């Protein structure tokens, strides 16, 4: 599975148009909200209903400082200077505490640093405040899958494709997760009935496909893992968003 290293500029801009501060906020009004399906799919509604405290933070934000911090953090991250990248992000968040792109990048850096619990908390907060953004859902799924929590990974990826039906990375990761769920189901079938030849054959085929599609259980957030990948990584592990 793969994760995203940077969330879609257009999607974040759409959220900003509804009141969330971040780099490039000045262009938000020209961007259409991310497409969604199903009931509760009003354009940019998720951001518009942010708590009053979040709205107050948005008004007190400094978009230019956030943009500078984000650019610096991405450069440092690309050079594998993760501690410095995290420090740059935290500095930017002091000026713009509600900035969605900075918070997303913080989750990516924490993932790369192996601080999984903190990364999960960061992405979970984003999915709650900005459910219309698909990348946080995708990266959250990658982290869940890496822990073997396939059911939560599947749910997170379904949220990602619900937020953006054309999000190819999430669809790919969802396929990886379904493949591993199939393996789990066939394995349970063989344990429940050792004489079930059909289940044994399907389990062997599923494992053969997994070995080809996902040679590695997990990879960094900027790679393509074989299991469900986060929005910044890739593979049969859900891939992380870039």
C-alpha atoms as a PDB file:
ATOM      1  CA  UNK A   1       0.000   0.000   0.000  1.00  0.00           C
ATOM      2  CA  UNK A   2       1.102   3.549  -0.660  1.00  0.00           C
ATOM      3  CA  UNK A   3       0.800   6.776   1.283  1.00  0.00           C
ATOM      4  CA  UNK A   4       0.620  10.374   0.149  1.00  0.00           C
ATOM      5  CA  UNK A   5       3.538  12.648   0.984  1.00  0.00           C
ATOM      6  CA  UNK A   6       1.657  15.785   0.036  1.00  0.00           C
ATOM      7  CA  UNK A   7      -2.071  16.166  -0.154  1.00  0.00           C
ATOM      8  CA  UNK A   8      -3.661  17.411  -3.340  1.00  0.00           C
ATOM      9  CA  UNK A   9      -3.297  21.195  -3.563  1.00  0.00           C
ATOM     10  CA  UNK A  10      -6.703  21.514  -5.204  1.00  0.00           C
ATOM     11  CA  UNK A  11      -8.446  19.456  -2.541  1.00  0.00           C
ATOM     12  CA  UNK A  12      -6.858  21.397   0.278  1.00  0.00           C
ATOM     13  CA  UNK A  13      -7.692  24.635  -1.483  1.00  0.00           C
ATOM     14  CA  UNK A  14     -11.318  23.534  -1.607  1.00  0.00           C
ATOM     15  CA  UNK A  15     -11.297  22.988   2.138  1.00  0.00           C
ATOM     16  CA  UNK A  16      -9.677  26.360   2.620  1.00  0.00           C
ATOM     17  CA  UNK A  17     -12.459  27.948   0.647  1.00  0.00           C
ATOM     18  CA  UNK A  18     -14.758  26.710   3.415  1.00  0.00           C
ATOM     19  CA  UNK A  19     -12.643  28.302   6.122  1.00  0.00           C
ATOM     20  CA  UNK A  20      -9.534  26.169   6.766  1.00  0.00           C
ATOM     21  CA  UNK A  21      -6.245  28.121   6.659  1.00  0.00           C
ATOM     22  CA  UNK A  22      -3.297  26.791   4.677  1.00  0.00           C
ATOM     23  CA  UNK A  23      -0.757  27.642   2.018  1.00  0.00           C
ATOM     24  CA  UNK A  24      -2.361  29.056  -1.132  1.00  0.00           C
ATOM     25  CA  UNK A  25      -5.568  30.054   0.669  1.00  0.00           C
ATOM     26  CA  UNK A  26      -5.859  33.073  -1.589  1.00  0.00           C
ATOM     27  CA  UNK A  27      -6.698  30.776  -4.514  1.00  0.00           C
ATOM     28  CA  UNK A  28      -9.318  28.772  -2.615  1.00  0.00           C
ATOM     29  CA  UNK A  29     -12.323  30.677  -3.928  1.00  0.00           C
ATOM     30  CA  UNK A  30     -11.559  29.568  -7.479  1.00  0.00           C
ATOM     31  CA  UNK A  31     -11.424  25.858  -6.651  1.00  0.00           C
ATOM     32  CA  UNK A  32     -14.443  23.573  -6.714  1.00  0.00           C
ATOM     33  CA  UNK A  33     -14.946  21.390  -3.638  1.00  0.00           C
ATOM     34  CA  UNK A  34     -13.803  17.763  -3.817  1.00  0.00           C
ATOM     35  CA  UNK A  35     -16.533  15.515  -5.276  1.00  0.00           C
ATOM     36  CA  UNK A  36     -18.390  13.239  -2.855  1.00  0.00           C
ATOM     37  CA  UNK A  37     -21.236  10.770  -3.110  1.00  0.00           C
ATOM     38  CA  UNK A  38     -24.046   9.678  -0.841  1.00  0.00           C
ATOM     39  CA  UNK A  39     -26.141  11.638   1.697  1.00  0.00           C
ATOM     40  CA  UNK A  40     -24.172  14.355   3.593  1.00  0.00           C
ATOM     41  CA  UNK A  41     -22.264  15.195   0.415  1.00  0.00           C
ATOM     42  CA  UNK A  42     -22.759  18.940   0.433  1.00  0.00           C
ATOM     43  CA  UNK A  43     -19.744  20.741  -1.107  1.00  0.00           C
ATOM     44  CA  UNK A  44     -17.066  21.541   1.441  1.00  0.00           C
ATOM     45  CA  UNK A  45     -19.569  20.971   4.242  1.00  0.00           C
ATOM     46  CA  UNK A  46     -17.023  19.229   6.429  1.00  0.00           C
ATOM     47  CA  UNK A  47     -14.804  22.277   6.666  1.00  0.00           C
ATOM     48  CA  UNK A  48     -17.721  24.661   7.035  1.00  0.00           C
ATOM     49  CA  UNK A  49     -18.903  22.869  10.174  1.00  0.00           C
ATOM     50  CA  UNK A  50     -15.531  23.002  11.932  1.00  0.00           C
ATOM     51  CA  UNK A  51     -15.741  23.860  15.667  1.00  0.00           C
ATOM     52  CA  UNK A  52     -15.825  27.523  16.637  1.00  0.00           C
ATOM     53  CA  UNK A  53     -12.360  27.187  18.148  1.00  0.00           C
ATOM     54  CA  UNK A  54     -11.046  26.085  14.754  1.00  0.00           C
ATOM     55  CA  UNK A  55     -12.664  29.087  13.076  1.00  0.00           C
ATOM     56  CA  UNK A  56     -11.030  31.396  15.597  1.00  0.00           C
ATOM     57  CA  UNK A  57      -7.652  29.783  14.908  1.00  0.00           C
ATOM     58  CA  UNK A  58      -8.240  30.258  11.182  1.00  0.00           C
ATOM     59  CA  UNK A  59      -8.832  33.978  11.630  1.00  0.00           C
ATOM     60  CA  UNK A  60      -5.639  34.268  13.684  1.00  0.00           C
ATOM     61  CA  UNK A  61      -3.526  32.343  11.180  1.00  0.00           C
ATOM     62  CA  UNK A  62      -0.626  33.646   9.124  1.00  0.00           C
ATOM     63  CA  UNK A  63      -0.878  32.009   5.645  1.00  0.00           C
ATOM     64  CA  UNK A  64       2.509  33.376   4.492  1.00  0.00           C
ATOM     65  CA  UNK A  65       4.306  31.931   7.502  1.00  0.00           C
ATOM     66  CA  UNK A  66       2.510  28.625   6.929  1.00  0.00           C
ATOM     67  CA  UNK A  67       3.566  28.558   3.278  1.00  0.00           C
ATOM     68  CA  UNK A  68       7.204  29.264   4.156  1.00  0.00           C
ATOM     69  CA  UNK A  69       7.177  26.602   6.875  1.00  0.00           C
ATOM     70  CA  UNK A  70       5.622  24.039   4.531  1.00  0.00           C
ATOM     71  CA  UNK A  71       8.165  24.667   1.777  1.00  0.00           C
ATOM     72  CA  UNK A  72      11.027  24.433   4.248  1.00  0.00           C
ATOM     73  CA  UNK A  73       9.656  21.245   5.804  1.00  0.00           C
ATOM     74  CA  UNK A  74       9.206  19.541   2.429  1.00  0.00           C
ATOM     75  CA  UNK A  75      12.761  20.416   1.416  1.00  0.00           C
ATOM     76  CA  UNK A  76      14.176  19.097   4.700  1.00  0.00           C
ATOM     77  CA  UNK A  77      12.019  15.976   4.456  1.00  0.00           C
ATOM     78  CA  UNK A  78      13.272  15.286   0.936  1.00  0.00           C
ATOM     79  CA  UNK A  79      16.810  15.470   2.346  1.00  0.00           C
ATOM     80  CA  UNK A  80      15.841  12.990   5.099  1.00  0.00           C
ATOM     81  CA  UNK A  81      16.345  15.643   7.781  1.00  0.00           C
ATOM     82  CA  UNK A  82      13.167  14.604   9.544  1.00  0.00           C
ATOM     83  CA  UNK A  83      13.853  16.175  12.936  1.00  0.00           C
ATOM     84  CA  UNK A  84      14.442  19.552  11.304  1.00  0.00           C
ATOM     85  CA  UNK A  85      11.407  19.112   9.049  1.00  0.00           C
ATOM     86  CA  UNK A  86       9.222  18.424  12.077  1.00  0.00           C
ATOM     87  CA  UNK A  87      10.634  21.455  13.872  1.00  0.00           C
ATOM     88  CA  UNK A  88       9.843  23.640  10.836  1.00  0.00           C
ATOM     89  CA  UNK A  89       6.280  22.334  10.758  1.00  0.00           C
ATOM     90  CA  UNK A  90       5.743  22.890  14.471  1.00  0.00           C
ATOM     91  CA  UNK A  91       7.064  26.414  14.094  1.00  0.00           C
ATOM     92  CA  UNK A  92       4.626  27.060  11.245  1.00  0.00           C
ATOM     93  CA  UNK A  93       1.734  25.645  13.247  1.00  0.00           C
ATOM     94  CA  UNK A  94       2.402  28.183  15.993  1.00  0.00           C
ATOM     95  CA  UNK A  95       1.558  30.874  13.431  1.00  0.00           C
ATOM     96  CA  UNK A  96      -1.260  28.886  11.748  1.00  0.00           C
ATOM     97  CA  UNK A  97      -2.441  26.158  14.148  1.00  0.00           C
ATOM     98  CA  UNK A  98      -5.331  25.055  11.932  1.00  0.00           C
ATOM     99  CA  UNK A  99      -3.360  24.868   8.664  1.00  0.00           C
ATOM    100  CA  UNK A 100      -4.437  21.612   7.023  1.00  0.00           C
ATOM    101  CA  UNK A 101      -1.405  21.163   4.769  1.00  0.00           C
ATOM    102  CA  UNK A 102       1.069  21.663   7.610  1.00  0.00           C
ATOM    103  CA  UNK A 103      -0.834  19.216   9.773  1.00  0.00           C
ATOM    104  CA  UNK A 104      -0.929  16.676   6.958  1.00  0.00           C
ATOM    105  CA  UNK A 105       2.804  17.044   6.349  1.00  0.00           C
ATOM    106  CA  UNK A 106       3.379  16.583  10.058  1.00  0.00           C
ATOM    107  CA  UNK A 107       1.630  13.216   9.869  1.00  0.00           C
ATOM    108  CA  UNK A 108       3.810  12.218   6.917  1.00  0.00           C
ATOM    109  CA  UNK A 109       7.013  13.153   8.742  1.00  0.00           C
ATOM    110  CA  UNK A 110       5.920  11.381  11.928  1.00  0.00           C
ATOM    111  CA  UNK A 111       5.212   8.268   9.844  1.00  0.00           C
ATOM    112  CA  UNK A 112       8.698   8.364   8.359  1.00  0.00           C
ATOM    113  CA  UNK A 113      10.165   8.773  11.846  1.00  0.00           C
ATOM    114  CA  UNK A 114       8.394   5.658  13.064  1.00  0.00           C
ATOM    115  CA  UNK A 115       6.214   7.633  15.486  1.00  0.00           C
ATOM    116  CA  UNK A 116       3.147   5.721  14.368  1.00  0.00           C
ATOM    117  CA  UNK A 117       0.791   6.520  17.243  1.00  0.00           C
ATOM    118  CA  UNK A 118       1.358  10.246  16.767  1.00  0.00           C
ATOM    119  CA  UNK A 119       0.968   9.939  12.989  1.00  0.00           C
ATOM    120  CA  UNK A 120      -2.319   8.075  13.402  1.00  0.00           C
ATOM    121  CA  UNK A 121      -3.565  10.751  15.804  1.00  0.00           C
ATOM    122  CA  UNK A 122      -2.597  13.473  13.310  1.00  0.00           C
ATOM    123  CA  UNK A 123      -4.396  11.846  10.379  1.00  0.00           C
ATOM    124  CA  UNK A 124      -7.426  10.904  12.476  1.00  0.00           C
ATOM    125  CA  UNK A 125      -7.835  14.530  13.534  1.00  0.00           C
ATOM    126  CA  UNK A 126      -7.689  15.646   9.894  1.00  0.00           C
ATOM    127  CA  UNK A 127     -10.270  13.064   8.802  1.00  0.00           C
ATOM    128  CA  UNK A 128     -12.636  14.316  11.495  1.00  0.00           C
ATOM    129  CA  UNK A 129     -12.176  18.003  10.716  1.00  0.00           C
ATOM    130  CA  UNK A 130     -11.879  17.692   6.929  1.00  0.00           C
ATOM    131  CA  UNK A 131     -13.700  14.457   5.920  1.00  0.00           C
ATOM    132  CA  UNK A 132     -13.835  15.707   2.324  1.00  0.00           C
ATOM    133  CA  UNK A 133     -10.039  15.385   1.956  1.00  0.00           C
ATOM    134  CA  UNK A 134      -9.146  11.856   0.730  1.00  0.00           C
ATOM    135  CA  UNK A 135      -5.392  11.789   1.466  1.00  0.00           C
ATOM    136  CA  UNK A 136      -5.606  11.701   5.279  1.00  0.00           C
ATOM    137  CA  UNK A 137      -8.026   8.763   5.039  1.00  0.00           C
ATOM    138  CA  UNK A 138      -5.626   6.982   2.686  1.00  0.00           C
ATOM    139  CA  UNK A 139      -2.557   7.492   4.882  1.00  0.00           C
ATOM    140  CA  UNK A 140      -4.496   6.457   7.948  1.00  0.00           C
ATOM    141  CA  UNK A 141      -5.447   3.229   6.159  1.00  0.00           C
ATOM    142  CA  UNK A 142      -1.799   2.519   5.397  1.00  0.00           C
ATOM    143  CA  UNK A 143      -0.879   2.815   9.056  1.00  0.00           C
ATOM    144  CA  UNK A 144      -3.782   0.616  10.111  1.00  0.00           C
ATOM    145  CA  UNK A 145      -2.829  -2.021   7.527  1.00  0.00           C
ATOM    146  CA  UNK A 146       0.790  -1.992   8.655  1.00  0.00           C
ATOM    147  CA  UNK A 147      -0.494  -2.981  12.098  1.00  0.00           C
ATOM    148  CA  UNK A 148      -2.616  -5.752  10.653  1.00  0.00           C
ATOM    149  CA  UNK A 149      -5.884  -3.918  11.327  1.00  0.00           C
ATOM    150  CA  UNK A 150      -7.343  -4.661   7.915  1.00  0.00           C
ATOM    151  CA  UNK A 151     -10.959  -3.907   8.805  1.00  0.00           C
ATOM    152  CA  UNK A 152     -10.154  -0.346   9.891  1.00  0.00           C
ATOM    153  CA  UNK A 153      -7.869   0.044   6.863  1.00  0.00           C
ATOM    154  CA  UNK A 154     -10.711  -0.942   4.556  1.00  0.00           C
ATOM    155  CA  UNK A 155     -13.117   1.468   6.247  1.00  0.00           C
ATOM    156  CA  UNK A 156     -10.626   4.337   5.955  1.00  0.00           C
ATOM    157  CA  UNK A 157     -10.055   3.642   2.257  1.00  0.00           C
ATOM    158  CA  UNK A 158     -13.784   3.486   1.616  1.00  0.00           C
ATOM    159  CA  UNK A 159     -13.998   6.941   3.210  1.00  0.00           C
ATOM    160  CA  UNK A 160     -11.204   8.099   0.888  1.00  0.00           C
ATOM    161  CA  UNK A 161     -12.963   6.970  -2.297  1.00  0.00           C
ATOM    162  CA  UNK A 162     -16.261   8.312  -0.966  1.00  0.00           C
ATOM    163  CA  UNK A 163     -14.597  11.711  -0.605  1.00  0.00           C
ATOM    164  CA  UNK A 164     -13.069  11.476  -4.095  1.00  0.00           C
ATOM    165  CA  UNK A 165     -14.398   8.666  -6.345  1.00  0.00           C
ATOM    166  CA  UNK A 166     -11.592   9.247  -8.879  1.00  0.00           C
ATOM    167  CA  UNK A 167      -8.808   8.821  -6.276  1.00  0.00           C
ATOM    168  CA  UNK A 168      -6.805   6.051  -7.996  1.00  0.00           C
ATOM    169  CA  UNK A 169      -4.310   5.543  -5.164  1.00  0.00           C
ATOM    170  CA  UNK A 170      -7.055   4.766  -2.645  1.00  0.00           C
ATOM    171  CA  UNK A 171      -8.747   2.374  -5.084  1.00  0.00           C
ATOM    172  CA  UNK A 172      -5.451   0.565  -5.599  1.00  0.00           C
ATOM    173  CA  UNK A 173      -4.831   0.353  -1.871  1.00  0.00           C
ATOM    174  CA  UNK A 174      -8.382  -0.850  -1.335  1.00  0.00           C
ATOM    175  CA  UNK A 175      -7.708  -3.666  -3.800  1.00  0.00           C
ATOM    176  CA  UNK A 176      -4.589  -4.611  -1.826  1.00  0.00           C
ATOM    177  CA  UNK A 177      -6.569  -4.672   1.408  1.00  0.00           C
ATOM    178  CA  UNK A 178      -9.334  -6.787  -0.119  1.00  0.00           C
ATOM    179  CA  UNK A 179      -6.690  -9.229  -1.314  1.00  0.00           C
ATOM    180  CA  UNK A 180      -5.354  -9.612   2.207  1.00  0.00           C
ATOM    181  CA  UNK A 181      -8.878  -9.892   3.595  1.00  0.00           C
ATOM    182  CA  UNK A 182      -9.510 -12.701   1.111  1.00  0.00           C
ATOM    183  CA  UNK A 183      -6.362 -14.456   2.317  1.00  0.00           C
ATOM    184  CA  UNK A 184      -7.578 -14.152   5.904  1.00  0.00           C
ATOM    185  CA  UNK A 185     -11.027 -15.535   5.032  1.00  0.00           C
ATOM    186  CA  UNK A 186      -9.616 -18.518   3.109  1.00  0.00           C
ATOM    187  CA  UNK A 187      -7.229 -19.253   5.947  1.00  0.00           C
ATOM    188  CA  UNK A 188     -10.081 -19.246   8.447  1.00  0.00           C
ATOM    189  CA  UNK A 189     -12.035 -21.565   6.169  1.00  0.00           C
ATOM    190  CA  UNK A 190      -9.190 -24.080   6.048  1.00  0.00           C
ATOM    191  CA  UNK A 191      -8.861 -23.991   9.826  1.00  0.00           C
ATOM    192  CA  UNK A 192     -12.581 -24.545  10.270  1.00  0.00           C
ATOM    193  CA  UNK A 193     -12.578 -27.420   7.771  1.00  0.00           C
ATOM    194  CA  UNK A 194      -9.203 -29.012   7.079  1.00  0.00           C
ATOM    195  CA  UNK A 195     -10.770 -31.137   4.328  1.00  0.00           C
ATOM    196  CA  UNK A 196     -11.929 -28.080   2.368  1.00  0.00           C
ATOM    197  CA  UNK A 197      -9.796 -28.457  -0.738  1.00  0.00           C
ATOM    198  CA  UNK A 198     -11.367 -25.493  -2.527  1.00  0.00           C
ATOM    199  CA  UNK A 199     -10.457 -23.120   0.307  1.00  0.00           C
ATOM    200  CA  UNK A 200      -6.889 -24.451   0.406  1.00  0.00           C
ATOM    201  CA  UNK A 201      -6.460 -23.892  -3.319  1.00  0.00           C
ATOM    202  CA  UNK A 202      -7.876 -20.369  -3.129  1.00  0.00           C
ATOM    203  CA  UNK A 203      -5.633 -19.582  -0.161  1.00  0.00           C
ATOM    204  CA  UNK A 204      -2.586 -20.726  -2.130  1.00  0.00           C
ATOM    205  CA  UNK A 205      -3.601 -18.566  -5.098  1.00  0.00           C
ATOM    206  CA  UNK A 206      -4.244 -15.543  -2.889  1.00  0.00           C
ATOM    207  CA  UNK A 207      -0.840 -15.893  -1.235  1.00  0.00           C
ATOM    208  CA  UNK A 208       0.860 -16.324  -4.607  1.00  0.00           C
ATOM    209  CA  UNK A 209      -0.740 -13.111  -5.860  1.00  0.00           C
ATOM    210  CA  UNK A 210       0.143 -11.260  -2.657  1.00  0.00           C
ATOM    211  CA  UNK A 211       3.781 -12.341  -3.002  1.00  0.00           C
ATOM    212  CA  UNK A 212       3.847 -10.803  -6.484  1.00  0.00           C
ATOM    213  CA  UNK A 213       1.871  -7.674  -5.742  1.00  0.00           C
ATOM    214  CA  UNK A 214       3.219  -7.008  -2.245  1.00  0.00           C
ATOM    215  CA  UNK A 215       6.707  -8.375  -1.819  1.00  0.00           C
ATOM    216  CA  UNK A 216       7.241  -6.132   1.220  1.00  0.00           C
ATOM    217  CA  UNK A 217       4.890  -5.797   4.168  1.00  0.00           C
ATOM    218  CA  UNK A 218       5.445  -2.062   4.410  1.00  0.00           C
ATOM    219  CA  UNK A 219       7.584   0.724   3.003  1.00  0.00           C
ATOM    220  CA  UNK A 220       8.426   4.346   3.807  1.00  0.00           C
ATOM    221  CA  UNK A 221       5.801   6.997   3.230  1.00  0.00           C
ATOM    222  CA  UNK A 222       7.465   8.053  -0.011  1.00  0.00           C
ATOM    223  CA  UNK A 223       7.684   4.557  -1.451  1.00  0.00           C
ATOM    224  CA  UNK A 224       5.142   2.113  -2.833  1.00  0.00           C
ATOM    225  CA  UNK A 225       4.483  -0.666  -0.305  1.00  0.00           C
ATOM    226  CA  UNK A 226       3.106  -4.050  -1.233  1.00  0.00           C
ATOM    227  CA  UNK A 227       0.431  -3.997   1.457  1.00  0.00           C
ATOM    228  CA  UNK A 228      -2.122  -1.221   1.937  1.00  0.00           C
ATOM    229  CA  UNK A 229      -0.244   2.048   1.341  1.00  0.00           C
ATOM    230  CA  UNK A 230      -0.487   5.499   3.059  1.00  0.00           C
ATOM    231  CA  UNK A 231      -0.911   8.615   0.945  1.00  0.00           C
ATOM    232  CA  UNK A 232       2.914   8.922   0.793  1.00  0.00           C
ATOM    233  CA  UNK A 233       4.049   5.298   0.405  1.00  0.00           C
ATOM    234  CA  UNK A 234       3.165   2.374  -1.920  1.00  0.00           C
ATOM    235  CA  UNK A 235       2.696  -1.466  -2.266  1.00  0.00           C
ATOM    236  CA  UNK A 236       0.156  -4.308  -1.507  1.00  0.00           C
ATOM    237  CA  UNK A 237      -0.057  -2.597   1.753  1.00  0.00           C
ATOM    238  CA  UNK A 238      -2.195   0.479   1.153  1.00  0.00           C
ATOM    239  CA  UNK A 239      -0.143   3.227  -0.437  1.00  0.00           C
ATOM    240  CA  UNK A 240       0.231   6.594   1.200  1.00  0.00           C
ATOM    241  CA  UNK A 241      -0.817   9.708  -0.655  1.00  0.00           C
ATOM    242  CA  UNK A 242       1.745  11.906  -2.370  1.00  0.00           C
END
